N, C-alpha and C. Protein backbone atom coordinates (compact mmCIF):
# COMPACT_ATOMS: atom_id res chain seq x y z
N MET A 1 -8.39 -15.19 13.70
CA MET A 1 -9.68 -15.80 13.64
C MET A 1 -10.61 -15.13 14.64
N SER A 2 -11.84 -14.92 14.27
CA SER A 2 -12.79 -14.26 15.15
C SER A 2 -13.25 -15.22 16.22
N GLY A 3 -13.59 -14.68 17.38
CA GLY A 3 -14.10 -15.52 18.45
C GLY A 3 -13.80 -14.91 19.79
N LYS A 4 -14.20 -15.63 20.82
CA LYS A 4 -13.97 -15.16 22.17
C LYS A 4 -12.62 -15.65 22.66
N ASN A 5 -12.00 -14.88 23.55
CA ASN A 5 -10.71 -15.25 24.12
C ASN A 5 -10.89 -15.88 25.49
N CYS A 6 -11.79 -16.84 25.63
CA CYS A 6 -11.98 -17.51 26.90
C CYS A 6 -12.68 -18.83 26.66
N LYS A 7 -12.68 -19.66 27.71
CA LYS A 7 -13.29 -20.99 27.58
C LYS A 7 -14.80 -20.94 27.60
N ASN A 8 -15.37 -20.00 28.32
CA ASN A 8 -16.82 -19.91 28.44
C ASN A 8 -17.29 -18.61 27.82
N PRO A 9 -17.79 -18.64 26.58
CA PRO A 9 -18.18 -17.40 25.89
C PRO A 9 -19.30 -16.64 26.58
N SER A 10 -20.02 -17.27 27.51
CA SER A 10 -21.11 -16.57 28.18
C SER A 10 -20.61 -15.66 29.30
N GLU A 11 -19.32 -15.79 29.67
CA GLU A 11 -18.77 -14.93 30.71
C GLU A 11 -18.77 -13.49 30.23
N SER A 12 -19.16 -12.58 31.10
CA SER A 12 -19.27 -11.18 30.70
C SER A 12 -17.91 -10.51 30.54
N ASN A 13 -16.85 -11.07 31.12
CA ASN A 13 -15.54 -10.43 31.03
C ASN A 13 -14.71 -10.98 29.87
N CYS A 14 -15.32 -11.75 28.97
CA CYS A 14 -14.59 -12.28 27.82
C CYS A 14 -14.40 -11.18 26.79
N ALA A 15 -13.19 -11.08 26.29
CA ALA A 15 -12.90 -10.09 25.24
C ALA A 15 -13.12 -10.74 23.89
N VAL A 16 -13.73 -10.03 22.99
CA VAL A 16 -13.94 -10.54 21.64
C VAL A 16 -12.68 -10.28 20.83
N ASN A 17 -12.15 -11.34 20.21
CA ASN A 17 -10.99 -11.20 19.34
C ASN A 17 -11.51 -10.82 17.96
N GLN A 18 -11.23 -9.60 17.54
CA GLN A 18 -11.75 -9.10 16.27
C GLN A 18 -10.77 -9.30 15.13
N ARG A 19 -9.69 -10.02 15.37
CA ARG A 19 -8.70 -10.24 14.33
C ARG A 19 -9.19 -11.29 13.34
N GLU A 20 -9.01 -10.98 12.09
CA GLU A 20 -9.41 -11.91 11.04
C GLU A 20 -8.30 -12.91 10.74
N PHE A 21 -7.03 -12.52 11.00
CA PHE A 21 -5.88 -13.34 10.66
C PHE A 21 -5.01 -13.57 11.90
N ASP A 22 -4.45 -14.77 12.01
CA ASP A 22 -3.56 -15.10 13.12
C ASP A 22 -2.23 -14.37 12.95
N ARG A 23 -1.68 -13.90 14.09
CA ARG A 23 -0.40 -13.20 14.08
C ARG A 23 0.73 -14.18 14.34
N MET A 24 1.91 -13.87 13.77
CA MET A 24 3.13 -14.62 14.03
C MET A 24 4.14 -13.70 14.69
N LYS A 25 4.68 -14.12 15.83
CA LYS A 25 5.77 -13.36 16.43
C LYS A 25 7.00 -13.55 15.55
N THR A 26 7.67 -12.46 15.28
CA THR A 26 8.84 -12.49 14.41
C THR A 26 9.68 -11.26 14.67
N HIS A 27 10.83 -11.18 14.04
CA HIS A 27 11.66 -9.99 14.17
C HIS A 27 12.47 -9.80 12.90
N PHE A 28 12.17 -8.73 12.20
CA PHE A 28 12.96 -8.29 11.06
C PHE A 28 12.65 -6.82 10.84
N LYS A 29 13.42 -6.18 9.99
CA LYS A 29 13.25 -4.74 9.75
C LYS A 29 12.45 -4.50 8.48
N VAL A 30 11.65 -3.45 8.52
CA VAL A 30 10.92 -2.98 7.35
C VAL A 30 11.19 -1.48 7.22
N SER A 31 10.85 -0.94 6.07
CA SER A 31 10.91 0.51 5.87
C SER A 31 9.49 1.05 5.81
N VAL A 32 9.27 2.15 6.51
CA VAL A 32 7.97 2.81 6.52
C VAL A 32 8.16 4.21 5.95
N SER A 33 7.35 4.54 4.94
CA SER A 33 7.41 5.87 4.32
C SER A 33 6.19 6.67 4.72
N VAL A 34 6.45 7.90 5.15
CA VAL A 34 5.39 8.78 5.63
C VAL A 34 5.46 10.09 4.87
N ASP A 35 4.34 10.50 4.28
CA ASP A 35 4.29 11.81 3.62
C ASP A 35 4.30 12.91 4.66
N GLU A 36 5.13 13.90 4.45
CA GLU A 36 5.23 15.07 5.33
C GLU A 36 4.80 16.29 4.54
N PRO A 37 3.47 16.54 4.44
CA PRO A 37 2.99 17.65 3.60
C PRO A 37 3.50 19.02 4.05
N THR A 38 3.72 19.19 5.36
CA THR A 38 4.20 20.50 5.83
C THR A 38 5.62 20.77 5.37
N HIS A 39 6.40 19.69 5.13
CA HIS A 39 7.77 19.85 4.67
C HIS A 39 7.91 19.56 3.17
N GLY A 40 6.84 19.06 2.56
CA GLY A 40 6.85 18.81 1.12
C GLY A 40 7.70 17.63 0.68
N HIS A 41 7.89 16.64 1.55
CA HIS A 41 8.67 15.47 1.15
C HIS A 41 8.16 14.22 1.87
N THR A 42 8.73 13.08 1.49
CA THR A 42 8.39 11.81 2.12
C THR A 42 9.54 11.40 3.02
N LEU A 43 9.21 11.02 4.23
CA LEU A 43 10.21 10.56 5.20
C LEU A 43 10.19 9.04 5.22
N ILE A 44 11.36 8.43 5.07
CA ILE A 44 11.48 6.98 5.15
C ILE A 44 12.19 6.65 6.45
N THR A 45 11.56 5.79 7.25
CA THR A 45 12.11 5.44 8.54
C THR A 45 12.14 3.92 8.72
N PRO A 46 13.17 3.39 9.37
CA PRO A 46 13.19 1.95 9.63
C PRO A 46 12.27 1.61 10.80
N ALA A 47 11.81 0.36 10.82
CA ALA A 47 10.97 -0.11 11.91
C ALA A 47 11.27 -1.58 12.15
N ASP A 48 11.15 -1.99 13.41
CA ASP A 48 11.34 -3.39 13.79
C ASP A 48 9.98 -4.05 13.90
N VAL A 49 9.80 -5.16 13.18
CA VAL A 49 8.54 -5.89 13.22
C VAL A 49 8.50 -6.76 14.47
N GLN A 50 7.41 -6.66 15.22
CA GLN A 50 7.20 -7.47 16.42
C GLN A 50 6.34 -8.70 16.09
N ASN A 51 5.31 -8.50 15.25
CA ASN A 51 4.50 -9.60 14.76
C ASN A 51 3.88 -9.19 13.44
N ILE A 52 3.45 -10.21 12.69
CA ILE A 52 2.89 -9.97 11.36
C ILE A 52 1.78 -10.97 11.09
N SER A 53 0.82 -10.55 10.29
CA SER A 53 -0.25 -11.42 9.82
C SER A 53 -0.62 -10.95 8.43
N ARG A 54 -1.54 -11.64 7.81
CA ARG A 54 -2.00 -11.21 6.49
C ARG A 54 -2.74 -9.88 6.59
N GLY A 55 -3.25 -9.57 7.76
CA GLY A 55 -4.01 -8.34 7.94
C GLY A 55 -3.19 -7.12 8.33
N GLY A 56 -1.99 -7.33 8.89
CA GLY A 56 -1.21 -6.18 9.32
C GLY A 56 0.02 -6.60 10.10
N LEU A 57 0.62 -5.63 10.78
CA LEU A 57 1.79 -5.92 11.60
C LEU A 57 1.90 -4.94 12.75
N LEU A 58 2.67 -5.35 13.74
CA LEU A 58 3.00 -4.50 14.87
C LEU A 58 4.47 -4.16 14.74
N ILE A 59 4.77 -2.86 14.70
CA ILE A 59 6.15 -2.41 14.55
C ILE A 59 6.56 -1.58 15.75
N GLU A 60 7.87 -1.44 15.91
CA GLU A 60 8.42 -0.51 16.88
C GLU A 60 9.29 0.45 16.08
N THR A 61 9.07 1.74 16.29
CA THR A 61 9.77 2.75 15.50
C THR A 61 10.01 4.00 16.34
N SER A 62 10.97 4.80 15.90
CA SER A 62 11.24 6.06 16.58
C SER A 62 10.35 7.18 16.04
N ARG A 63 9.62 6.91 15.00
CA ARG A 63 8.74 7.90 14.36
C ARG A 63 7.37 7.92 15.03
N ASN A 64 6.85 9.11 15.29
CA ASN A 64 5.50 9.22 15.82
C ASN A 64 4.50 9.10 14.67
N LEU A 65 3.62 8.13 14.78
CA LEU A 65 2.58 7.93 13.78
C LEU A 65 1.23 8.04 14.47
N SER A 66 0.23 8.54 13.75
CA SER A 66 -1.08 8.79 14.34
C SER A 66 -2.13 7.85 13.77
N PRO A 67 -3.05 7.38 14.61
CA PRO A 67 -4.15 6.55 14.11
C PRO A 67 -4.87 7.24 12.95
N GLY A 68 -5.18 6.45 11.92
CA GLY A 68 -5.83 6.99 10.73
C GLY A 68 -4.87 7.39 9.63
N GLN A 69 -3.61 7.56 9.98
CA GLN A 69 -2.59 7.95 9.01
C GLN A 69 -2.30 6.77 8.07
N THR A 70 -2.09 7.06 6.78
CA THR A 70 -1.72 6.03 5.81
C THR A 70 -0.22 6.12 5.56
N VAL A 71 0.44 4.98 5.58
CA VAL A 71 1.88 4.90 5.35
C VAL A 71 2.15 3.86 4.27
N ALA A 72 3.31 3.95 3.66
CA ALA A 72 3.77 2.92 2.73
C ALA A 72 4.74 2.02 3.48
N VAL A 73 4.65 0.72 3.24
CA VAL A 73 5.49 -0.26 3.93
C VAL A 73 6.25 -1.06 2.88
N SER A 74 7.55 -1.26 3.12
CA SER A 74 8.38 -2.09 2.26
C SER A 74 8.93 -3.24 3.11
N ILE A 75 8.53 -4.47 2.75
CA ILE A 75 8.90 -5.66 3.51
C ILE A 75 9.94 -6.44 2.71
N PRO A 76 11.19 -6.53 3.22
CA PRO A 76 12.22 -7.27 2.49
C PRO A 76 11.94 -8.77 2.52
N THR A 77 12.27 -9.45 1.44
CA THR A 77 12.03 -10.89 1.34
C THR A 77 13.33 -11.70 1.39
N GLU A 78 14.41 -11.08 1.81
CA GLU A 78 15.72 -11.73 1.78
C GLU A 78 15.80 -13.00 2.63
N VAL A 79 14.88 -13.19 3.58
CA VAL A 79 14.90 -14.40 4.40
C VAL A 79 14.41 -15.62 3.62
N CYS A 80 13.73 -15.39 2.50
CA CYS A 80 13.18 -16.48 1.70
C CYS A 80 14.23 -16.98 0.71
N PRO A 81 14.19 -18.28 0.41
CA PRO A 81 15.15 -18.81 -0.56
C PRO A 81 14.89 -18.27 -1.97
N ASP A 82 15.95 -18.18 -2.75
CA ASP A 82 15.86 -17.65 -4.12
C ASP A 82 14.87 -18.43 -4.97
N ARG A 83 14.73 -19.73 -4.69
CA ARG A 83 13.84 -20.55 -5.51
C ARG A 83 12.38 -20.09 -5.46
N MET A 84 12.04 -19.28 -4.45
CA MET A 84 10.67 -18.77 -4.37
C MET A 84 10.42 -17.66 -5.38
N GLU A 85 11.49 -17.09 -5.91
CA GLU A 85 11.42 -16.05 -6.94
C GLU A 85 10.54 -14.87 -6.54
N LEU A 86 10.69 -14.45 -5.30
CA LEU A 86 9.95 -13.28 -4.81
C LEU A 86 10.71 -12.02 -5.19
N PRO A 87 10.01 -10.90 -5.30
CA PRO A 87 10.72 -9.63 -5.50
C PRO A 87 11.58 -9.33 -4.26
N ARG A 88 12.55 -8.45 -4.39
CA ARG A 88 13.44 -8.13 -3.26
C ARG A 88 12.67 -7.55 -2.08
N ALA A 89 11.54 -6.91 -2.37
CA ALA A 89 10.70 -6.35 -1.31
C ALA A 89 9.24 -6.38 -1.76
N LEU A 90 8.37 -6.52 -0.78
CA LEU A 90 6.93 -6.45 -1.02
C LEU A 90 6.48 -5.08 -0.54
N ASN A 91 5.83 -4.32 -1.42
CA ASN A 91 5.48 -2.95 -1.11
C ASN A 91 3.97 -2.75 -1.14
N GLY A 92 3.48 -2.01 -0.17
CA GLY A 92 2.06 -1.71 -0.13
C GLY A 92 1.78 -0.62 0.88
N HIS A 93 0.51 -0.35 1.07
CA HIS A 93 0.10 0.70 2.01
C HIS A 93 -0.59 0.08 3.22
N ALA A 94 -0.55 0.83 4.32
CA ALA A 94 -1.18 0.38 5.55
C ALA A 94 -1.73 1.59 6.29
N GLU A 95 -2.72 1.34 7.11
CA GLU A 95 -3.31 2.38 7.94
C GLU A 95 -2.87 2.18 9.38
N VAL A 96 -2.50 3.26 10.04
CA VAL A 96 -2.14 3.20 11.46
C VAL A 96 -3.42 3.00 12.26
N VAL A 97 -3.47 1.90 13.02
CA VAL A 97 -4.65 1.59 13.84
C VAL A 97 -4.46 2.10 15.26
N HIS A 98 -3.27 1.91 15.80
CA HIS A 98 -2.98 2.42 17.14
C HIS A 98 -1.49 2.70 17.27
N SER A 99 -1.15 3.56 18.22
CA SER A 99 0.25 3.91 18.47
C SER A 99 0.40 4.17 19.96
N ARG A 100 1.36 3.48 20.57
CA ARG A 100 1.64 3.64 22.00
C ARG A 100 3.10 4.03 22.18
N HIS A 101 3.31 5.13 22.89
CA HIS A 101 4.68 5.56 23.17
C HIS A 101 5.29 4.63 24.20
N GLY A 102 6.51 4.18 23.91
CA GLY A 102 7.19 3.27 24.82
C GLY A 102 8.45 3.91 25.37
N THR A 103 9.43 3.06 25.65
CA THR A 103 10.68 3.54 26.22
C THR A 103 11.65 3.95 25.12
N ASN A 104 12.67 4.68 25.52
CA ASN A 104 13.74 5.10 24.61
C ASN A 104 13.24 5.83 23.37
N HIS A 105 12.20 6.64 23.54
CA HIS A 105 11.65 7.45 22.45
C HIS A 105 11.19 6.60 21.27
N ARG A 106 10.68 5.41 21.55
CA ARG A 106 10.18 4.52 20.52
C ARG A 106 8.71 4.24 20.76
N SER A 107 7.98 4.00 19.68
CA SER A 107 6.55 3.72 19.77
C SER A 107 6.25 2.36 19.18
N LYS A 108 5.26 1.69 19.75
CA LYS A 108 4.72 0.45 19.16
C LYS A 108 3.49 0.87 18.37
N VAL A 109 3.48 0.51 17.10
CA VAL A 109 2.45 0.97 16.18
C VAL A 109 1.81 -0.23 15.49
N GLY A 110 0.49 -0.30 15.57
CA GLY A 110 -0.26 -1.34 14.86
C GLY A 110 -0.68 -0.82 13.51
N LEU A 111 -0.35 -1.57 12.46
CA LEU A 111 -0.69 -1.19 11.09
C LEU A 111 -1.63 -2.23 10.49
N ARG A 112 -2.65 -1.77 9.78
CA ARG A 112 -3.56 -2.65 9.04
C ARG A 112 -3.26 -2.49 7.56
N PHE A 113 -2.90 -3.62 6.91
CA PHE A 113 -2.57 -3.56 5.49
C PHE A 113 -3.80 -3.21 4.66
N CYS A 114 -3.58 -2.44 3.61
CA CYS A 114 -4.62 -2.18 2.62
C CYS A 114 -4.67 -3.38 1.68
N ASP A 115 -5.74 -3.48 0.93
CA ASP A 115 -5.95 -4.65 0.07
C ASP A 115 -4.83 -4.87 -0.94
N ASN A 116 -4.17 -3.81 -1.39
CA ASN A 116 -3.16 -3.97 -2.44
C ASN A 116 -2.03 -4.90 -2.01
N LEU A 117 -1.68 -4.94 -0.75
CA LEU A 117 -0.62 -5.82 -0.27
C LEU A 117 -1.18 -7.17 0.16
N ARG A 118 -2.23 -7.15 0.90
CA ARG A 118 -2.75 -8.38 1.49
C ARG A 118 -3.26 -9.36 0.43
N GLN A 119 -3.57 -8.88 -0.76
CA GLN A 119 -4.07 -9.76 -1.81
C GLN A 119 -2.98 -10.23 -2.78
N LEU A 120 -1.76 -9.78 -2.59
CA LEU A 120 -0.67 -10.21 -3.46
C LEU A 120 -0.32 -11.68 -3.21
N PRO A 121 -0.29 -12.52 -4.23
CA PRO A 121 0.11 -13.92 -4.04
C PRO A 121 1.53 -14.04 -3.46
N GLU A 122 2.42 -13.12 -3.84
CA GLU A 122 3.79 -13.14 -3.31
C GLU A 122 3.81 -12.88 -1.81
N PHE A 123 2.91 -12.02 -1.34
CA PHE A 123 2.84 -11.74 0.10
C PHE A 123 2.34 -12.96 0.85
N VAL A 124 1.34 -13.63 0.30
CA VAL A 124 0.82 -14.86 0.92
C VAL A 124 1.92 -15.91 0.97
N ALA A 125 2.70 -16.05 -0.11
CA ALA A 125 3.81 -17.02 -0.15
C ALA A 125 4.87 -16.66 0.90
N PHE A 126 5.17 -15.38 1.06
CA PHE A 126 6.13 -14.92 2.06
C PHE A 126 5.66 -15.31 3.46
N LEU A 127 4.40 -15.05 3.77
CA LEU A 127 3.86 -15.41 5.09
C LEU A 127 3.85 -16.92 5.29
N ASP A 128 3.50 -17.67 4.26
CA ASP A 128 3.52 -19.13 4.37
C ASP A 128 4.93 -19.63 4.68
N TYR A 129 5.94 -19.01 4.06
CA TYR A 129 7.32 -19.39 4.33
C TYR A 129 7.67 -19.09 5.78
N LEU A 130 7.33 -17.90 6.26
CA LEU A 130 7.61 -17.56 7.66
C LEU A 130 6.94 -18.55 8.62
N ARG A 131 5.72 -18.91 8.31
CA ARG A 131 4.96 -19.83 9.16
C ARG A 131 5.61 -21.22 9.17
N ALA A 132 6.18 -21.64 8.04
CA ALA A 132 6.73 -22.98 7.91
C ALA A 132 8.15 -23.12 8.46
N THR A 133 8.84 -22.01 8.66
CA THR A 133 10.22 -22.10 9.14
C THR A 133 10.22 -22.50 10.60
N SER A 134 11.26 -23.22 11.00
CA SER A 134 11.35 -23.67 12.38
C SER A 134 11.77 -22.54 13.32
N GLU A 135 12.36 -21.50 12.78
CA GLU A 135 12.80 -20.36 13.57
C GLU A 135 11.85 -19.19 13.34
N PRO A 136 10.86 -18.97 14.21
CA PRO A 136 9.92 -17.87 13.98
C PRO A 136 10.54 -16.49 14.17
N LEU A 137 11.66 -16.40 14.89
CA LEU A 137 12.31 -15.12 15.08
C LEU A 137 13.41 -14.98 14.04
N LEU A 138 13.31 -13.97 13.23
CA LEU A 138 14.26 -13.74 12.15
C LEU A 138 15.20 -12.61 12.50
N ALA A 139 16.38 -12.63 11.92
CA ALA A 139 17.35 -11.57 12.18
C ALA A 139 17.01 -10.33 11.39
């Protein structure tokens, strides 16, 4: 939700929260596919999700990704009950917004979902399920 991150919006040191969607802390694995034009193939790499929202996610990965780069993301739905009748994975594209190198040769990467994923009713149902579960951290 947009707004200021402080009690008194007139304070000059208040940071503006430019996020349109609330994030949920969580933990599960996704697959990220990156086109490698210099090698003529697509590289698929696993990533650990740190948080997710309808607008994007924060992942930790061993792959170096650059801001502005477009990647494909595959989000498994196995944590959801079968009665939801979701596909085995939700697939879409995302843009790399930021990337910070961390420890152990891993980077924290912020991804912004493209409209094709964020507008899927199945994706909204998946997020609603995550939000409703009592255990926000998933295996």
